[in-house]
Amino acid sequence: PAEAKGKKAAEVNVGVREALKTRSFWLLSAGLTAAILAPQALSTFQIPYLVSLNFTTAFAGLVVSAMAIISTAGRLGFGWLGDYKDKRKVLVATLTLEAAGLFFLANLRAAWMIIPYLVLYSPAWGGTVPLRPGILADYYGRKSLGAIQGVLMAVMTVAGVLAPIGVGVVFDISGSYRIGFFAVAAMAALAVPLVLLARRPTFNAPAPD
């Protein structure tokens, strides 16, 4: 059918060098790097943070377990949605929900505030996992997807390593985790406009043989 031919013709396959020359790659890298700070910091400090607010260790562990379980629904649901909708917009939606959930966590004053945190943050965090490679495949094709994703993940990994260190230093100085958690929440919010600006790049069609 003509529609199938149009989709096939629209598919791109570019190498790492071509991908790195696009503005969209660096906007995605900046946005996803900003977003990765929160889960890396949470993996280290979420339980100590909750305990510092006088929640029991058992309750804090339950929250972490619930977050992981709920994130599975996000991986499936947002991954499926990305197959039918603009992945950039779906990714922006997940990042928005992540930031909202993180602000609830950073401003935690009562046990009930754990619920909106889990409901907003957990599925959104899970949803970013399938959407990251999906949007790269849409933008740059499958030919060099592994290498392109490797460059992106290298950038994200460096930031991810620094995130717990930064939150730890802030805690050592201030005696509170809140400032560090508000900081990573703000970075997650910053990821939203960065990814929104990362529109699908266009490439010149290869010359006919």
C-alpha atoms as a PDB file:
ATOM      1  CA  PRO A   1       0.000   0.000   0.000  1.00  0.00           C
ATOM      2  CA  ALA A   2       1.033   3.590  -0.598  1.00  0.00           C
ATOM      3  CA  GLU A   3       0.970   4.306   3.152  1.00  0.00           C
ATOM      4  CA  ALA A   4       3.427   1.488   3.866  1.00  0.00           C
ATOM      5  CA  LYS A   5       5.745   2.732   1.121  1.00  0.00           C
ATOM      6  CA  GLY A   6       5.651   6.228   2.585  1.00  0.00           C
ATOM      7  CA  LYS A   7       6.618   4.934   6.014  1.00  0.00           C
ATOM      8  CA  LYS A   8       9.436   2.876   4.545  1.00  0.00           C
ATOM      9  CA  ALA A   9      10.784   5.836   2.594  1.00  0.00           C
ATOM     10  CA  ALA A  10      10.672   8.020   5.705  1.00  0.00           C
ATOM     11  CA  GLU A  11      12.860   5.674   7.729  1.00  0.00           C
ATOM     12  CA  VAL A  12      16.391   6.972   8.279  1.00  0.00           C
ATOM     13  CA  ASN A  13      19.628   5.198   9.074  1.00  0.00           C
ATOM     14  CA  VAL A  14      22.507   7.458   9.973  1.00  0.00           C
ATOM     15  CA  GLY A  15      25.816   6.849  11.673  1.00  0.00           C
ATOM     16  CA  VAL A  16      27.127   8.146  14.968  1.00  0.00           C
ATOM     17  CA  ARG A  17      28.905  11.132  13.389  1.00  0.00           C
ATOM     18  CA  GLU A  18      25.752  12.287  11.633  1.00  0.00           C
ATOM     19  CA  ALA A  19      23.734  11.861  14.826  1.00  0.00           C
ATOM     20  CA  LEU A  20      26.225  13.872  16.883  1.00  0.00           C
ATOM     21  CA  LYS A  21      25.976  16.750  14.420  1.00  0.00           C
ATOM     22  CA  THR A  22      22.268  17.204  15.103  1.00  0.00           C
ATOM     23  CA  ARG A  23      20.914  19.663  17.648  1.00  0.00           C
ATOM     24  CA  SER A  24      18.271  17.132  18.679  1.00  0.00           C
ATOM     25  CA  PHE A  25      20.841  14.596  19.896  1.00  0.00           C
ATOM     26  CA  TRP A  26      22.388  17.068  22.298  1.00  0.00           C
ATOM     27  CA  LEU A  27      19.030  18.349  23.487  1.00  0.00           C
ATOM     28  CA  LEU A  28      17.963  14.753  24.183  1.00  0.00           C
ATOM     29  CA  SER A  29      21.280  14.074  25.883  1.00  0.00           C
ATOM     30  CA  ALA A  30      20.932  17.150  28.095  1.00  0.00           C
ATOM     31  CA  GLY A  31      17.318  16.400  28.942  1.00  0.00           C
ATOM     32  CA  LEU A  32      17.787  12.712  29.683  1.00  0.00           C
ATOM     33  CA  THR A  33      20.956  13.444  31.651  1.00  0.00           C
ATOM     34  CA  ALA A  34      19.060  15.942  33.802  1.00  0.00           C
ATOM     35  CA  ALA A  35      16.324  13.361  34.314  1.00  0.00           C
ATOM     36  CA  ILE A  36      18.693  10.540  35.337  1.00  0.00           C
ATOM     37  CA  LEU A  37      19.958  12.472  38.359  1.00  0.00           C
ATOM     38  CA  ALA A  38      16.833  11.712  40.395  1.00  0.00           C
ATOM     39  CA  PRO A  39      16.725   7.895  40.123  1.00  0.00           C
ATOM     40  CA  GLN A  40      20.450   7.696  40.804  1.00  0.00           C
ATOM     41  CA  ALA A  41      20.125   9.850  43.906  1.00  0.00           C
ATOM     42  CA  LEU A  42      17.031   7.950  45.048  1.00  0.00           C
ATOM     43  CA  SER A  43      18.778   4.602  44.734  1.00  0.00           C
ATOM     44  CA  THR A  44      21.260   5.757  47.367  1.00  0.00           C
ATOM     45  CA  PHE A  45      19.349   8.135  49.625  1.00  0.00           C
ATOM     46  CA  GLN A  46      15.628   7.383  49.452  1.00  0.00           C
ATOM     47  CA  ILE A  47      15.617   5.101  52.504  1.00  0.00           C
ATOM     48  CA  PRO A  48      17.885   7.365  54.629  1.00  0.00           C
ATOM     49  CA  TYR A  49      15.715  10.338  53.632  1.00  0.00           C
ATOM     50  CA  LEU A  50      12.498   8.645  54.738  1.00  0.00           C
ATOM     51  CA  VAL A  51      14.109   7.437  57.964  1.00  0.00           C
ATOM     52  CA  SER A  52      15.315  11.000  58.656  1.00  0.00           C
ATOM     53  CA  LEU A  53      11.653  12.035  58.510  1.00  0.00           C
ATOM     54  CA  ASN A  54      10.840   9.523  61.265  1.00  0.00           C
ATOM     55  CA  PHE A  55       9.434   6.806  59.025  1.00  0.00           C
ATOM     56  CA  THR A  56      10.518   3.296  59.966  1.00  0.00           C
ATOM     57  CA  THR A  57      13.132   1.438  57.953  1.00  0.00           C
ATOM     58  CA  ALA A  58      10.523  -1.224  57.144  1.00  0.00           C
ATOM     59  CA  PHE A  59       8.143   1.408  55.766  1.00  0.00           C
ATOM     60  CA  ALA A  60      10.932   3.020  53.726  1.00  0.00           C
ATOM     61  CA  GLY A  61      11.814  -0.380  52.267  1.00  0.00           C
ATOM     62  CA  LEU A  62       8.160  -0.932  51.387  1.00  0.00           C
ATOM     63  CA  VAL A  63       8.091   2.383  49.517  1.00  0.00           C
ATOM     64  CA  VAL A  64      11.155   1.396  47.491  1.00  0.00           C
ATOM     65  CA  SER A  65       9.622  -1.984  46.647  1.00  0.00           C
ATOM     66  CA  ALA A  66       6.324  -0.383  45.652  1.00  0.00           C
ATOM     67  CA  MET A  67       8.152   2.087  43.421  1.00  0.00           C
ATOM     68  CA  ALA A  68       9.901  -0.750  41.567  1.00  0.00           C
ATOM     69  CA  ILE A  69       6.694  -2.760  41.140  1.00  0.00           C
ATOM     70  CA  ILE A  70       4.632   0.209  39.926  1.00  0.00           C
ATOM     71  CA  SER A  71       7.400   1.179  37.484  1.00  0.00           C
ATOM     72  CA  THR A  72       6.749  -2.083  35.626  1.00  0.00           C
ATOM     73  CA  ALA A  73       3.318  -0.810  34.627  1.00  0.00           C
ATOM     74  CA  GLY A  74       4.966   2.338  33.278  1.00  0.00           C
ATOM     75  CA  ARG A  75       7.455   0.360  31.199  1.00  0.00           C
ATOM     76  CA  LEU A  76       4.635  -1.600  29.590  1.00  0.00           C
ATOM     77  CA  GLY A  77       2.092   1.200  29.321  1.00  0.00           C
ATOM     78  CA  PHE A  78       4.264   4.059  28.121  1.00  0.00           C
ATOM     79  CA  GLY A  79       6.265   1.712  25.895  1.00  0.00           C
ATOM     80  CA  TRP A  80       3.030   0.619  24.221  1.00  0.00           C
ATOM     81  CA  LEU A  81       1.808   4.224  23.948  1.00  0.00           C
ATOM     82  CA  GLY A  82       5.071   5.238  22.287  1.00  0.00           C
ATOM     83  CA  ASP A  83       4.352   2.796  19.453  1.00  0.00           C
ATOM     84  CA  TYR A  84       1.205   4.713  18.543  1.00  0.00           C
ATOM     85  CA  LYS A  85       1.940   8.312  19.536  1.00  0.00           C
ATOM     86  CA  ASP A  86       4.809  10.763  19.061  1.00  0.00           C
ATOM     87  CA  LYS A  87       7.526   9.330  21.327  1.00  0.00           C
ATOM     88  CA  ARG A  88       8.891  12.790  22.051  1.00  0.00           C
ATOM     89  CA  LYS A  89       5.558  13.931  23.459  1.00  0.00           C
ATOM     90  CA  VAL A  90       5.110  10.710  25.415  1.00  0.00           C
ATOM     91  CA  LEU A  91       8.613  11.109  26.849  1.00  0.00           C
ATOM     92  CA  VAL A  92       7.821  14.713  27.801  1.00  0.00           C
ATOM     93  CA  ALA A  93       4.700  13.450  29.587  1.00  0.00           C
ATOM     94  CA  THR A  94       6.726  10.927  31.597  1.00  0.00           C
ATOM     95  CA  LEU A  95       9.307  13.548  32.540  1.00  0.00           C
ATOM     96  CA  THR A  96       6.568  15.945  33.652  1.00  0.00           C
ATOM     97  CA  LEU A  97       5.015  13.267  35.858  1.00  0.00           C
ATOM     98  CA  GLU A  98       8.453  12.387  37.241  1.00  0.00           C
ATOM     99  CA  ALA A  99       9.150  15.975  38.226  1.00  0.00           C
ATOM    100  CA  ALA A 100       5.735  16.361  39.849  1.00  0.00           C
ATOM    101  CA  GLY A 101       6.213  13.186  41.864  1.00  0.00           C
ATOM    102  CA  LEU A 102       9.683  14.234  42.957  1.00  0.00           C
ATOM    103  CA  PHE A 103       8.421  17.563  44.261  1.00  0.00           C
ATOM    104  CA  PHE A 104       5.928  15.658  46.420  1.00  0.00           C
ATOM    105  CA  LEU A 105       8.787  13.547  47.761  1.00  0.00           C
ATOM    106  CA  ALA A 106      11.096  16.501  48.376  1.00  0.00           C
ATOM    107  CA  ASN A 107       8.309  18.336  50.209  1.00  0.00           C
ATOM    108  CA  LEU A 108       7.169  15.263  52.151  1.00  0.00           C
ATOM    109  CA  ARG A 109       5.388  16.340  55.331  1.00  0.00           C
ATOM    110  CA  ALA A 110       2.940  13.499  55.958  1.00  0.00           C
ATOM    111  CA  ALA A 111       2.588   9.813  55.108  1.00  0.00           C
ATOM    112  CA  TRP A 112      -0.259  10.437  52.630  1.00  0.00           C
ATOM    113  CA  MET A 113       2.132  12.388  50.374  1.00  0.00           C
ATOM    114  CA  ILE A 114       3.912   9.120  49.606  1.00  0.00           C
ATOM    115  CA  ILE A 115       0.877   8.086  47.525  1.00  0.00           C
ATOM    116  CA  PRO A 116       1.022  10.885  44.894  1.00  0.00           C
ATOM    117  CA  TYR A 117       4.791  10.426  44.779  1.00  0.00           C
ATOM    118  CA  LEU A 118       4.447   6.731  43.950  1.00  0.00           C
ATOM    119  CA  VAL A 119       1.507   7.224  41.569  1.00  0.00           C
ATOM    120  CA  LEU A 120       3.208  10.016  39.614  1.00  0.00           C
ATOM    121  CA  TYR A 121       6.887   9.162  39.731  1.00  0.00           C
ATOM    122  CA  SER A 122       7.019   5.360  39.586  1.00  0.00           C
ATOM    123  CA  PRO A 123       5.235   4.614  36.270  1.00  0.00           C
ATOM    124  CA  ALA A 124       6.829   7.662  34.656  1.00  0.00           C
ATOM    125  CA  TRP A 125      10.305   6.550  35.694  1.00  0.00           C
ATOM    126  CA  GLY A 126       9.589   3.103  34.285  1.00  0.00           C
ATOM    127  CA  GLY A 127       8.219   4.609  31.077  1.00  0.00           C
ATOM    128  CA  THR A 128      11.436   6.402  30.234  1.00  0.00           C
ATOM    129  CA  VAL A 129      13.284   3.074  29.956  1.00  0.00           C
ATOM    130  CA  PRO A 130      11.682   1.856  26.676  1.00  0.00           C
ATOM    131  CA  LEU A 131      11.164   5.365  25.320  1.00  0.00           C
ATOM    132  CA  ARG A 132      14.878   6.284  25.326  1.00  0.00           C
ATOM    133  CA  PRO A 133      16.000   3.747  22.704  1.00  0.00           C
ATOM    134  CA  GLY A 134      12.664   4.082  20.916  1.00  0.00           C
ATOM    135  CA  ILE A 135      13.058   7.786  20.219  1.00  0.00           C
ATOM    136  CA  LEU A 136      16.679   7.311  19.119  1.00  0.00           C
ATOM    137  CA  ALA A 137      15.558   4.634  16.656  1.00  0.00           C
ATOM    138  CA  ASP A 138      12.864   6.959  15.285  1.00  0.00           C
ATOM    139  CA  TYR A 139      15.301   9.842  14.906  1.00  0.00           C
ATOM    140  CA  TYR A 140      18.406   8.047  13.629  1.00  0.00           C
ATOM    141  CA  GLY A 141      17.341   4.592  12.486  1.00  0.00           C
ATOM    142  CA  ARG A 142      18.447   1.146  13.567  1.00  0.00           C
ATOM    143  CA  LYS A 143      21.744   0.789  11.724  1.00  0.00           C
ATOM    144  CA  SER A 144      23.906   2.503  14.377  1.00  0.00           C
ATOM    145  CA  LEU A 145      21.389   2.497  17.218  1.00  0.00           C
ATOM    146  CA  GLY A 146      23.688   0.625  19.606  1.00  0.00           C
ATOM    147  CA  ALA A 147      26.588   3.028  19.119  1.00  0.00           C
ATOM    148  CA  ILE A 148      24.391   6.133  19.289  1.00  0.00           C
ATOM    149  CA  GLN A 149      22.711   4.896  22.444  1.00  0.00           C
ATOM    150  CA  GLY A 150      26.149   4.066  23.853  1.00  0.00           C
ATOM    151  CA  VAL A 151      27.256   7.682  23.482  1.00  0.00           C
ATOM    152  CA  LEU A 152      24.052   8.897  25.129  1.00  0.00           C
ATOM    153  CA  MET A 153      24.375   6.429  27.993  1.00  0.00           C
ATOM    154  CA  ALA A 154      28.018   7.405  28.545  1.00  0.00           C
ATOM    155  CA  VAL A 155      26.961  11.017  29.106  1.00  0.00           C
ATOM    156  CA  MET A 156      24.115   9.939  31.377  1.00  0.00           C
ATOM    157  CA  THR A 157      26.331   7.581  33.373  1.00  0.00           C
ATOM    158  CA  VAL A 158      28.824  10.299  34.279  1.00  0.00           C
ATOM    159  CA  ALA A 159      26.003  12.496  35.574  1.00  0.00           C
ATOM    160  CA  GLY A 160      24.423   9.538  37.330  1.00  0.00           C
ATOM    161  CA  VAL A 161      27.621   8.867  39.250  1.00  0.00           C
ATOM    162  CA  LEU A 162      27.868  12.490  40.353  1.00  0.00           C
ATOM    163  CA  ALA A 163      24.234  12.777  41.513  1.00  0.00           C
ATOM    164  CA  PRO A 164      24.516  10.754  44.753  1.00  0.00           C
ATOM    165  CA  ILE A 165      27.813  12.460  45.536  1.00  0.00           C
ATOM    166  CA  GLY A 166      26.194  15.884  45.147  1.00  0.00           C
ATOM    167  CA  VAL A 167      23.202  14.998  47.329  1.00  0.00           C
ATOM    168  CA  GLY A 168      25.568  13.540  49.925  1.00  0.00           C
ATOM    169  CA  VAL A 169      27.694  16.676  50.010  1.00  0.00           C
ATOM    170  CA  VAL A 170      24.598  18.847  50.405  1.00  0.00           C
ATOM    171  CA  PHE A 171      23.472  16.644  53.293  1.00  0.00           C
ATOM    172  CA  ASP A 172      26.879  16.914  54.964  1.00  0.00           C
ATOM    173  CA  ILE A 173      26.708  20.704  54.739  1.00  0.00           C
ATOM    174  CA  SER A 174      23.048  21.285  55.576  1.00  0.00           C
ATOM    175  CA  GLY A 175      22.127  18.200  57.601  1.00  0.00           C
ATOM    176  CA  SER A 176      19.043  17.675  55.414  1.00  0.00           C
ATOM    177  CA  TYR A 177      18.232  15.672  52.305  1.00  0.00           C
ATOM    178  CA  ARG A 178      15.473  18.060  51.228  1.00  0.00           C
ATOM    179  CA  ILE A 179      17.717  20.537  49.428  1.00  0.00           C
ATOM    180  CA  GLY A 180      19.352  17.786  47.384  1.00  0.00           C
ATOM    181  CA  PHE A 181      15.993  16.218  46.563  1.00  0.00           C
ATOM    182  CA  PHE A 182      14.540  19.568  45.505  1.00  0.00           C
ATOM    183  CA  ALA A 183      17.608  20.034  43.291  1.00  0.00           C
ATOM    184  CA  VAL A 184      17.148  16.734  41.443  1.00  0.00           C
ATOM    185  CA  ALA A 185      13.409  17.455  41.150  1.00  0.00           C
ATOM    186  CA  ALA A 186      14.243  20.807  39.554  1.00  0.00           C
ATOM    187  CA  MET A 187      16.613  19.071  37.131  1.00  0.00           C
ATOM    188  CA  ALA A 188      13.851  16.632  36.180  1.00  0.00           C
ATOM    189  CA  ALA A 189      11.609  19.623  35.466  1.00  0.00           C
ATOM    190  CA  LEU A 190      14.366  21.187  33.353  1.00  0.00           C
ATOM    191  CA  ALA A 191      14.435  18.019  31.243  1.00  0.00           C
ATOM    192  CA  VAL A 192      10.899  18.710  30.005  1.00  0.00           C
ATOM    193  CA  PRO A 193      11.585  21.778  27.784  1.00  0.00           C
ATOM    194  CA  LEU A 194      14.898  20.302  26.611  1.00  0.00           C
ATOM    195  CA  VAL A 195      13.256  17.143  25.289  1.00  0.00           C
ATOM    196  CA  LEU A 196      10.293  19.124  23.943  1.00  0.00           C
ATOM    197  CA  LEU A 197      12.722  21.140  21.795  1.00  0.00           C
ATOM    198  CA  ALA A 198      14.410  17.980  20.478  1.00  0.00           C
ATOM    199  CA  ARG A 199      12.351  17.575  17.337  1.00  0.00           C
ATOM    200  CA  ARG A 200      12.997  14.805  14.849  1.00  0.00           C
ATOM    201  CA  PRO A 201      15.950  15.841  12.667  1.00  0.00           C
ATOM    202  CA  THR A 202      15.852  15.781   8.887  1.00  0.00           C
ATOM    203  CA  PHE A 203      18.589  14.363   6.710  1.00  0.00           C
ATOM    204  CA  ASN A 204      19.356  14.734   3.041  1.00  0.00           C
ATOM    205  CA  ALA A 205      18.285  11.721   1.018  1.00  0.00           C
ATOM    206  CA  PRO A 206      21.203   9.637  -0.275  1.00  0.00           C
ATOM    207  CA  ALA A 207      22.066  10.105  -3.934  1.00  0.00           C
ATOM    208  CA  PRO A 208      20.612   7.390  -6.222  1.00  0.00           C
ATOM    209  CA  ASP A 209      23.008   4.696  -7.424  1.00  0.00           C
END
